[in-house]
Amino acid sequence: MAQVEGTGTVSIDPGRWWLVGLLGLLSIAAGVLAIAYPDITLLVLGLIVGINLVLIGATWVALATVEDHSEGGRICASSSASWRRSRA
């Protein structure tokens, strides 16, 4: 969609002008709907952000227990292992 030129500027790819126009129209339609129905817009936005936060949090916890880090970086894995030893 965007083509990066050597000067650090971003220009629109002339072959995909229709995609930029379509995204613009979609943004305008979403804005009109948000103004017309603010209650449902906030509900949907809250649900999307909440689901996103739950998924990201679960991913971070999973990565913290699986990835190979230094001794201090494995807090989740070492604390769960010591908890399992104390329960046995």
Foldseek 3Di string as FASTA:
>chain_A
DWDQDPVRDIDDDVVPPVVVVVVVVVVVVVVVVCVVDVVVVVVVVVVVVVVVVVVVVVVVLVCQCPDDDPPVSNVVPVVVVVVVVVVD
